[in-house]
PDB file of all heavy atoms in Angstrom:
ATOM      1  N   PRO A   1     -11.167   7.684   2.310  1.00  0.00           N
ATOM      2  CA  PRO A   1     -12.185   6.929   1.500  1.00  0.00           C
ATOM      3  C   PRO A   1     -11.564   6.311   0.268  1.00  0.00           C
ATOM      4  O   PRO A   1     -11.952   5.229  -0.169  1.00  0.00           O
ATOM      5  CB  PRO A   1     -13.232   7.975   1.153  1.00  0.00           C
ATOM      6  CG  PRO A   1     -12.554   9.297   1.237  1.00  0.00           C
ATOM      7  CD  PRO A   1     -11.520   9.103   2.355  1.00  0.00           C
ATOM      8  N   LEU A   2     -10.605   7.037  -0.362  1.00  0.00           N
ATOM      9  CA  LEU A   2      -9.968   6.460  -1.594  1.00  0.00           C
ATOM     10  C   LEU A   2      -9.191   5.221  -1.284  1.00  0.00           C
ATOM     11  O   LEU A   2      -9.212   4.244  -2.018  1.00  0.00           O
ATOM     12  CB  LEU A   2      -9.117   7.483  -2.235  1.00  0.00           C
ATOM     13  CG  LEU A   2      -9.784   8.728  -2.857  1.00  0.00           C
ATOM     14  CD1 LEU A   2      -8.752   9.696  -3.387  1.00  0.00           C
ATOM     15  CD2 LEU A   2     -10.711   8.264  -3.999  1.00  0.00           C
ATOM     16  N   GLY A   3      -8.501   5.199  -0.125  1.00  0.00           N
ATOM     17  CA  GLY A   3      -7.738   4.040   0.287  1.00  0.00           C
ATOM     18  C   GLY A   3      -8.669   2.881   0.612  1.00  0.00           C
ATOM     19  O   GLY A   3      -8.395   1.748   0.219  1.00  0.00           O
ATOM     20  N   GLY A   4      -9.751   3.178   1.292  1.00  0.00           N
ATOM     21  CA  GLY A   4     -10.733   2.102   1.599  1.00  0.00           C
ATOM     22  C   GLY A   4     -11.394   1.562   0.358  1.00  0.00           C
ATOM     23  O   GLY A   4     -11.559   0.304   0.248  1.00  0.00           O
ATOM     24  N   LEU A   5     -11.688   2.389  -0.595  1.00  0.00           N
ATOM     25  CA  LEU A   5     -12.245   1.945  -1.889  1.00  0.00           C
ATOM     26  C   LEU A   5     -11.264   1.051  -2.666  1.00  0.00           C
ATOM     27  O   LEU A   5     -11.665  -0.063  -3.108  1.00  0.00           O
ATOM     28  CB  LEU A   5     -12.637   3.127  -2.734  1.00  0.00           C
ATOM     29  CG  LEU A   5     -13.220   2.811  -4.128  1.00  0.00           C
ATOM     30  CD1 LEU A   5     -14.536   2.027  -3.983  1.00  0.00           C
ATOM     31  CD2 LEU A   5     -13.475   4.083  -4.907  1.00  0.00           C
ATOM     32  N   ALA A   6     -10.018   1.480  -2.747  1.00  0.00           N
ATOM     33  CA  ALA A   6      -9.011   0.702  -3.491  1.00  0.00           C
ATOM     34  C   ALA A   6      -8.740  -0.617  -2.810  1.00  0.00           C
ATOM     35  O   ALA A   6      -8.652  -1.683  -3.451  1.00  0.00           O
ATOM     36  CB  ALA A   6      -7.732   1.492  -3.639  1.00  0.00           C
ATOM     37  N   LEU A   7      -8.576  -0.580  -1.482  1.00  0.00           N
ATOM     38  CA  LEU A   7      -8.290  -1.811  -0.745  1.00  0.00           C
ATOM     39  C   LEU A   7      -9.442  -2.761  -0.792  1.00  0.00           C
ATOM     40  O   LEU A   7      -9.266  -4.013  -0.938  1.00  0.00           O
ATOM     41  CB  LEU A   7      -7.929  -1.484   0.690  1.00  0.00           C
ATOM     42  CG  LEU A   7      -7.290  -2.628   1.538  1.00  0.00           C
ATOM     43  CD1 LEU A   7      -5.937  -3.078   0.880  1.00  0.00           C
ATOM     44  CD2 LEU A   7      -7.066  -2.184   2.930  1.00  0.00           C
ATOM     45  N   GLY A   8     -10.648  -2.247  -0.751  1.00  0.00           N
ATOM     46  CA  GLY A   8     -11.841  -3.148  -0.844  1.00  0.00           C
ATOM     47  C   GLY A   8     -11.931  -3.848  -2.113  1.00  0.00           C
ATOM     48  O   GLY A   8     -12.284  -5.033  -2.213  1.00  0.00           O
ATOM     49  N   LYS A   9     -11.561  -3.139  -3.194  1.00  0.00           N
ATOM     50  CA  LYS A   9     -11.565  -3.776  -4.540  1.00  0.00           C
ATOM     51  C   LYS A   9     -10.488  -4.856  -4.637  1.00  0.00           C
ATOM     52  O   LYS A   9     -10.682  -5.908  -5.227  1.00  0.00           O
ATOM     53  CB  LYS A   9     -11.376  -2.703  -5.641  1.00  0.00           C
ATOM     54  CG  LYS A   9     -12.519  -1.736  -5.788  1.00  0.00           C
ATOM     55  CD  LYS A   9     -13.751  -2.413  -6.309  1.00  0.00           C
ATOM     56  CE  LYS A   9     -14.862  -1.419  -6.530  1.00  0.00           C
ATOM     57  NZ  LYS A   9     -16.102  -2.049  -7.032  1.00  0.00           N
ATOM     58  N   LEU A  10      -9.276  -4.499  -4.061  1.00  0.00           N
ATOM     59  CA  LEU A  10      -8.142  -5.444  -4.156  1.00  0.00           C
ATOM     60  C   LEU A  10      -8.416  -6.680  -3.332  1.00  0.00           C
ATOM     61  O   LEU A  10      -7.971  -7.782  -3.684  1.00  0.00           O
ATOM     62  CB  LEU A  10      -6.874  -4.804  -3.673  1.00  0.00           C
ATOM     63  CG  LEU A  10      -6.248  -3.764  -4.662  1.00  0.00           C
ATOM     64  CD1 LEU A  10      -5.086  -3.066  -4.024  1.00  0.00           C
ATOM     65  CD2 LEU A  10      -5.800  -4.496  -5.925  1.00  0.00           C
ATOM     66  N   ILE A  11      -9.106  -6.521  -2.217  1.00  0.00           N
ATOM     67  CA  ILE A  11      -9.382  -7.673  -1.345  1.00  0.00           C
ATOM     68  C   ILE A  11     -10.205  -8.712  -2.098  1.00  0.00           C
ATOM     69  O   ILE A  11      -9.965  -9.949  -1.973  1.00  0.00           O
ATOM     70  CB  ILE A  11     -10.144  -7.248  -0.086  1.00  0.00           C
ATOM     71  CG1 ILE A  11      -9.175  -6.513   0.854  1.00  0.00           C
ATOM     72  CG2 ILE A  11     -10.758  -8.462   0.641  1.00  0.00           C
ATOM     73  CD1 ILE A  11      -9.835  -5.884   2.062  1.00  0.00           C
ATOM     74  N   LEU A  12     -11.142  -8.301  -2.916  1.00  0.00           N
ATOM     75  CA  LEU A  12     -11.945  -9.230  -3.702  1.00  0.00           C
ATOM     76  C   LEU A  12     -11.081  -9.970  -4.736  1.00  0.00           C
ATOM     77  O   LEU A  12     -11.459 -11.099  -5.145  1.00  0.00           O
ATOM     78  CB  LEU A  12     -13.058  -8.454  -4.405  1.00  0.00           C
ATOM     79  CG  LEU A  12     -14.071  -7.776  -3.481  1.00  0.00           C
ATOM     80  CD1 LEU A  12     -15.067  -6.953  -4.353  1.00  0.00           C
ATOM     81  CD2 LEU A  12     -14.833  -8.769  -2.626  1.00  0.00           C
ATOM     82  N   ILE A  13      -9.964  -9.368  -5.161  1.00  0.00           N
ATOM     83  CA  ILE A  13      -9.171  -9.990  -6.201  1.00  0.00           C
ATOM     84  C   ILE A  13      -8.045 -10.842  -5.618  1.00  0.00           C
ATOM     85  O   ILE A  13      -7.845 -11.966  -6.026  1.00  0.00           O
ATOM     86  CB  ILE A  13      -8.575  -8.874  -7.091  1.00  0.00           C
ATOM     87  CG1 ILE A  13      -9.681  -8.106  -7.779  1.00  0.00           C
ATOM     88  CG2 ILE A  13      -7.671  -9.504  -8.181  1.00  0.00           C
ATOM     89  CD1 ILE A  13      -9.210  -6.868  -8.525  1.00  0.00           C
ATOM     90  N   VAL A  14      -7.271 -10.302  -4.653  1.00  0.00           N
ATOM     91  CA  VAL A  14      -6.094 -10.970  -4.155  1.00  0.00           C
ATOM     92  C   VAL A  14      -6.174 -11.455  -2.693  1.00  0.00           C
ATOM     93  O   VAL A  14      -5.329 -12.178  -2.248  1.00  0.00           O
ATOM     94  CB  VAL A  14      -4.847 -10.047  -4.306  1.00  0.00           C
ATOM     95  CG1 VAL A  14      -4.609  -9.664  -5.759  1.00  0.00           C
ATOM     96  CG2 VAL A  14      -4.987  -8.801  -3.451  1.00  0.00           C
ATOM     97  N   GLY A  15      -7.240 -11.064  -2.032  1.00  0.00           N
ATOM     98  CA  GLY A  15      -7.374 -11.492  -0.641  1.00  0.00           C
ATOM     99  C   GLY A  15      -6.919 -10.410   0.344  1.00  0.00           C
ATOM    100  O   GLY A  15      -6.136  -9.522  -0.043  1.00  0.00           O
ATOM    101  N   ILE A  16      -7.334 -10.518   1.575  1.00  0.00           N
ATOM    102  CA  ILE A  16      -7.059  -9.500   2.600  1.00  0.00           C
ATOM    103  C   ILE A  16      -5.576  -9.408   2.927  1.00  0.00           C
ATOM    104  O   ILE A  16      -5.018  -8.338   3.068  1.00  0.00           O
ATOM    105  CB  ILE A  16      -7.907  -9.726   3.825  1.00  0.00           C
ATOM    106  CG1 ILE A  16      -7.632  -8.663   4.903  1.00  0.00           C
ATOM    107  CG2 ILE A  16      -7.663 -11.123   4.450  1.00  0.00           C
ATOM    108  CD1 ILE A  16      -8.083  -7.277   4.547  1.00  0.00           C
ATOM    109  N   THR A  17      -4.930 -10.563   3.008  1.00  0.00           N
ATOM    110  CA  THR A  17      -3.512 -10.578   3.376  1.00  0.00           C
ATOM    111  C   THR A  17      -2.607  -9.856   2.359  1.00  0.00           C
ATOM    112  O   THR A  17      -1.827  -8.978   2.695  1.00  0.00           O
ATOM    113  CB  THR A  17      -2.983 -12.017   3.563  1.00  0.00           C
ATOM    114  OG1 THR A  17      -3.737 -12.647   4.616  1.00  0.00           O
ATOM    115  CG2 THR A  17      -1.518 -12.033   3.947  1.00  0.00           C
ATOM    116  N   ALA A  18      -2.803 -10.220   1.102  1.00  0.00           N
ATOM    117  CA  ALA A  18      -2.003  -9.585   0.063  1.00  0.00           C
ATOM    118  C   ALA A  18      -2.333  -8.108  -0.133  1.00  0.00           C
ATOM    119  O   ALA A  18      -1.465  -7.277  -0.343  1.00  0.00           O
ATOM    120  CB  ALA A  18      -2.230 -10.364  -1.279  1.00  0.00           C
ATOM    121  N   ALA A  19      -3.619  -7.757  -0.069  1.00  0.00           N
ATOM    122  CA  ALA A  19      -4.044  -6.350  -0.250  1.00  0.00           C
ATOM    123  C   ALA A  19      -3.497  -5.472   0.898  1.00  0.00           C
ATOM    124  O   ALA A  19      -2.898  -4.407   0.637  1.00  0.00           O
ATOM    125  CB  ALA A  19      -5.534  -6.247  -0.323  1.00  0.00           C
ATOM    126  N   LEU A  20      -3.677  -5.909   2.132  1.00  0.00           N
ATOM    127  CA  LEU A  20      -3.257  -5.144   3.240  1.00  0.00           C
ATOM    128  C   LEU A  20      -1.733  -5.089   3.346  1.00  0.00           C
ATOM    129  O   LEU A  20      -1.125  -4.021   3.597  1.00  0.00           O
ATOM    130  CB  LEU A  20      -3.881  -5.692   4.575  1.00  0.00           C
ATOM    131  CG  LEU A  20      -3.752  -4.811   5.804  1.00  0.00           C
ATOM    132  CD1 LEU A  20      -4.464  -3.480   5.601  1.00  0.00           C
ATOM    133  CD2 LEU A  20      -4.348  -5.535   7.003  1.00  0.00           C
ATOM    134  N   GLY A  21      -1.078  -6.244   3.131  1.00  0.00           N
ATOM    135  CA  GLY A  21       0.368  -6.294   3.117  1.00  0.00           C
ATOM    136  C   GLY A  21       0.935  -5.399   1.995  1.00  0.00           C
ATOM    137  O   GLY A  21       1.959  -4.737   2.215  1.00  0.00           O
ATOM    138  N   GLY A  22       0.323  -5.413   0.858  1.00  0.00           N
ATOM    139  CA  GLY A  22       0.791  -4.579  -0.235  1.00  0.00           C
ATOM    140  C   GLY A  22       0.705  -3.055   0.048  1.00  0.00           C
ATOM    141  O   GLY A  22       1.601  -2.285  -0.310  1.00  0.00           O
ATOM    142  N   SER A  23      -0.349  -2.680   0.737  1.00  0.00           N
ATOM    143  CA  SER A  23      -0.450  -1.244   1.089  1.00  0.00           C
ATOM    144  C   SER A  23       0.646  -0.863   2.085  1.00  0.00           C
ATOM    145  O   SER A  23       1.206   0.269   1.962  1.00  0.00           O
ATOM    146  CB  SER A  23      -1.809  -0.985   1.723  1.00  0.00           C
ATOM    147  OG  SER A  23      -2.043  -1.623   2.929  1.00  0.00           O
ATOM    148  N   GLY A  24       0.979  -1.785   3.009  1.00  0.00           N
ATOM    149  CA  GLY A  24       2.057  -1.473   3.912  1.00  0.00           C
ATOM    150  C   GLY A  24       3.399  -1.406   3.250  1.00  0.00           C
ATOM    151  O   GLY A  24       4.213  -0.472   3.523  1.00  0.00           O
ATOM    152  N   ILE A  25       3.642  -2.321   2.347  1.00  0.00           N
ATOM    153  CA  ILE A  25       4.898  -2.288   1.603  1.00  0.00           C
ATOM    154  C   ILE A  25       5.020  -1.080   0.709  1.00  0.00           C
ATOM    155  O   ILE A  25       6.080  -0.470   0.573  1.00  0.00           O
ATOM    156  CB  ILE A  25       5.035  -3.588   0.739  1.00  0.00           C
ATOM    157  CG1 ILE A  25       5.170  -4.829   1.672  1.00  0.00           C
ATOM    158  CG2 ILE A  25       6.188  -3.522  -0.203  1.00  0.00           C
ATOM    159  CD1 ILE A  25       5.078  -6.130   0.957  1.00  0.00           C
ATOM    160  N   LEU A  26       3.906  -0.687   0.097  1.00  0.00           N
ATOM    161  CA  LEU A  26       3.912   0.514  -0.727  1.00  0.00           C
ATOM    162  C   LEU A  26       4.205   1.759   0.094  1.00  0.00           C
ATOM    163  O   LEU A  26       4.952   2.652  -0.374  1.00  0.00           O
ATOM    164  CB  LEU A  26       2.577   0.645  -1.488  1.00  0.00           C
ATOM    165  CG  LEU A  26       2.517   1.747  -2.522  1.00  0.00           C
ATOM    166  CD1 LEU A  26       3.585   1.572  -3.614  1.00  0.00           C
ATOM    167  CD2 LEU A  26       1.171   1.726  -3.205  1.00  0.00           C
ATOM    168  N   LEU A  27       3.626   1.837   1.314  1.00  0.00           N
ATOM    169  CA  LEU A  27       3.922   2.947   2.193  1.00  0.00           C
ATOM    170  C   LEU A  27       5.407   2.943   2.593  1.00  0.00           C
ATOM    171  O   LEU A  27       6.042   4.082   2.652  1.00  0.00           O
ATOM    172  CB  LEU A  27       3.012   2.893   3.450  1.00  0.00           C
ATOM    173  CG  LEU A  27       3.172   4.016   4.431  1.00  0.00           C
ATOM    174  CD1 LEU A  27       2.926   5.414   3.761  1.00  0.00           C
ATOM    175  CD2 LEU A  27       2.264   3.867   5.626  1.00  0.00           C
ATOM    176  N   ILE A  28       5.978   1.821   2.853  1.00  0.00           N
ATOM    177  CA  ILE A  28       7.386   1.700   3.155  1.00  0.00           C
ATOM    178  C   ILE A  28       8.227   2.225   1.966  1.00  0.00           C
ATOM    179  O   ILE A  28       9.191   2.961   2.115  1.00  0.00           O
ATOM    180  CB  ILE A  28       7.766   0.247   3.479  1.00  0.00           C
ATOM    181  CG1 ILE A  28       7.139  -0.185   4.797  1.00  0.00           C
ATOM    182  CG2 ILE A  28       9.295   0.081   3.517  1.00  0.00           C
ATOM    183  CD1 ILE A  28       7.340  -1.672   5.113  1.00  0.00           C
ATOM    184  N   ALA A  29       7.840   1.835   0.741  1.00  0.00           N
ATOM    185  CA  ALA A  29       8.562   2.236  -0.474  1.00  0.00           C
ATOM    186  C   ALA A  29       8.519   3.748  -0.609  1.00  0.00           C
ATOM    187  O   ALA A  29       9.580   4.391  -0.919  1.00  0.00           O
ATOM    188  CB  ALA A  29       7.942   1.555  -1.668  1.00  0.00           C
ATOM    189  N   VAL A  30       7.349   4.362  -0.421  1.00  0.00           N
ATOM    190  CA  VAL A  30       7.231   5.813  -0.580  1.00  0.00           C
ATOM    191  C   VAL A  30       8.104   6.519   0.477  1.00  0.00           C
ATOM    192  O   VAL A  30       8.826   7.502   0.139  1.00  0.00           O
ATOM    193  CB  VAL A  30       5.746   6.268  -0.405  1.00  0.00           C
ATOM    194  CG1 VAL A  30       5.620   7.774  -0.320  1.00  0.00           C
ATOM    195  CG2 VAL A  30       4.946   5.713  -1.556  1.00  0.00           C
ATOM    196  N   THR A  31       8.054   6.034   1.712  1.00  0.00           N
ATOM    197  CA  THR A  31       8.843   6.620   2.745  1.00  0.00           C
ATOM    198  C   THR A  31      10.375   6.497   2.503  1.00  0.00           C
ATOM    199  O   THR A  31      11.125   7.465   2.708  1.00  0.00           O
ATOM    200  CB  THR A  31       8.522   5.982   4.126  1.00  0.00           C
ATOM    201  OG1 THR A  31       7.110   6.060   4.334  1.00  0.00           O
ATOM    202  CG2 THR A  31       9.217   6.714   5.248  1.00  0.00           C
ATOM    203  N   LEU A  32      10.760   5.348   2.025  1.00  0.00           N
ATOM    204  CA  LEU A  32      12.180   5.094   1.756  1.00  0.00           C
ATOM    205  C   LEU A  32      12.728   5.980   0.656  1.00  0.00           C
ATOM    206  O   LEU A  32      13.900   6.383   0.630  1.00  0.00           O
ATOM    207  CB  LEU A  32      12.427   3.608   1.394  1.00  0.00           C
ATOM    208  CG  LEU A  32      12.417   2.631   2.544  1.00  0.00           C
ATOM    209  CD1 LEU A  32      12.547   1.208   1.997  1.00  0.00           C
ATOM    210  CD2 LEU A  32      13.474   2.961   3.614  1.00  0.00           C
ATOM    211  N   ILE A  33      11.869   6.301  -0.298  1.00  0.00           N
ATOM    212  CA  ILE A  33      12.260   7.248  -1.382  1.00  0.00           C
ATOM    213  C   ILE A  33      12.658   8.572  -0.759  1.00  0.00           C
ATOM    214  O   ILE A  33      13.726   9.162  -1.085  1.00  0.00           O
ATOM    215  CB  ILE A  33      11.170   7.421  -2.412  1.00  0.00           C
ATOM    216  CG1 ILE A  33      10.992   6.132  -3.218  1.00  0.00           C
ATOM    217  CG2 ILE A  33      11.477   8.634  -3.337  1.00  0.00           C
ATOM    218  CD1 ILE A  33       9.773   6.150  -4.114  1.00  0.00           C
ATOM    219  N   PHE A  34      11.863   9.061   0.158  1.00  0.00           N
ATOM    220  CA  PHE A  34      12.207  10.331   0.856  1.00  0.00           C
ATOM    221  C   PHE A  34      13.406  10.166   1.715  1.00  0.00           C
ATOM    222  O   PHE A  34      14.253  11.095   1.806  1.00  0.00           O
ATOM    223  CB  PHE A  34      11.029  10.807   1.650  1.00  0.00           C
ATOM    224  CG  PHE A  34       9.929  11.467   0.860  1.00  0.00           C
ATOM    225  CD1 PHE A  34       8.957  10.762   0.217  1.00  0.00           C
ATOM    226  CD2 PHE A  34       9.957  12.877   0.679  1.00  0.00           C
ATOM    227  CE1 PHE A  34       7.902  11.404  -0.529  1.00  0.00           C
ATOM    228  CE2 PHE A  34       8.988  13.500  -0.095  1.00  0.00           C
ATOM    229  CZ  PHE A  34       7.973  12.736  -0.697  1.00  0.00           C
ATOM    230  N   LEU A  35      13.524   9.063   2.462  1.00  0.00           N
ATOM    231  CA  LEU A  35      14.629   8.900   3.381  1.00  0.00           C
ATOM    232  C   LEU A  35      15.955   8.716   2.663  1.00  0.00           C
ATOM    233  O   LEU A  35      16.964   9.267   3.079  1.00  0.00           O
ATOM    234  CB  LEU A  35      14.368   7.662   4.283  1.00  0.00           C
ATOM    235  CG  LEU A  35      13.432   7.877   5.456  1.00  0.00           C
ATOM    236  CD1 LEU A  35      13.089   6.537   6.111  1.00  0.00           C
ATOM    237  CD2 LEU A  35      14.031   8.860   6.477  1.00  0.00           C
ATOM    238  N   ILE A  36      15.963   7.915   1.579  1.00  0.00           N
ATOM    239  CA  ILE A  36      17.217   7.663   0.879  1.00  0.00           C
ATOM    240  C   ILE A  36      17.677   8.826   0.083  1.00  0.00           C
ATOM    241  O   ILE A  36      18.834   9.260   0.132  1.00  0.00           O
ATOM    242  CB  ILE A  36      17.048   6.385  -0.021  1.00  0.00           C
ATOM    243  CG1 ILE A  36      16.816   5.152   0.870  1.00  0.00           C
ATOM    244  CG2 ILE A  36      18.282   6.206  -0.905  1.00  0.00           C
ATOM    245  CD1 ILE A  36      16.475   3.936   0.054  1.00  0.00           C
ATOM    246  N   VAL A  37      16.766   9.444  -0.680  1.00  0.00           N
ATOM    247  CA  VAL A  37      17.123  10.606  -1.449  1.00  0.00           C
ATOM    248  C   VAL A  37      17.414  11.763  -0.529  1.00  0.00           C
ATOM    249  O   VAL A  37      18.309  12.597  -0.858  1.00  0.00           O
ATOM    250  CB  VAL A  37      15.984  10.942  -2.432  1.00  0.00           C
ATOM    251  CG1 VAL A  37      16.298  12.209  -3.256  1.00  0.00           C
ATOM    252  CG2 VAL A  37      15.795   9.746  -3.412  1.00  0.00           C
ATOM    253  N   MET A  38      16.609  11.861   0.565  1.00  0.00           N
ATOM    254  CA  MET A  38      16.760  12.885   1.601  1.00  0.00           C
ATOM    255  C   MET A  38      16.384  14.296   1.140  1.00  0.00           C
ATOM    256  O   MET A  38      16.428  15.239   1.927  1.00  0.00           O
ATOM    257  CB  MET A  38      18.247  12.953   2.073  1.00  0.00           C
ATOM    258  CG  MET A  38      18.720  11.709   2.828  1.00  0.00           C
ATOM    259  SD  MET A  38      17.732  11.413   4.333  1.00  0.00           S
ATOM    260  CE  MET A  38      18.231  12.798   5.342  1.00  0.00           C
ATOM    261  N   ARG A  39      16.070  14.499  -0.125  1.00  0.00           N
ATOM    262  CA  ARG A  39      15.664  15.837  -0.550  1.00  0.00           C
ATOM    263  C   ARG A  39      14.404  16.275   0.153  1.00  0.00           C
ATOM    264  O   ARG A  39      14.261  17.429   0.523  1.00  0.00           O
ATOM    265  CB  ARG A  39      15.509  15.833  -2.066  1.00  0.00           C
ATOM    266  CG  ARG A  39      16.797  15.844  -2.835  1.00  0.00           C
ATOM    267  CD  ARG A  39      16.535  15.957  -4.326  1.00  0.00           C
ATOM    268  NE  ARG A  39      15.818  17.225  -4.623  1.00  0.00           N
ATOM    269  CZ  ARG A  39      15.369  17.504  -5.830  1.00  0.00           C
ATOM    270  NH1 ARG A  39      15.513  16.656  -6.818  1.00  0.00           N
ATOM    271  NH2 ARG A  39      14.703  18.678  -6.018  1.00  0.00           N
TER     272      ARG A  39
END
């Protein structure tokens, strides 16, 4: 629900493409932190 709420607010500001794409990129960034650091 928190993700849906945040994305719904962002869609009104930046549009569906930027909001959805941004969430995917942010998930990639979080994952890469774990993968690169490896800890």
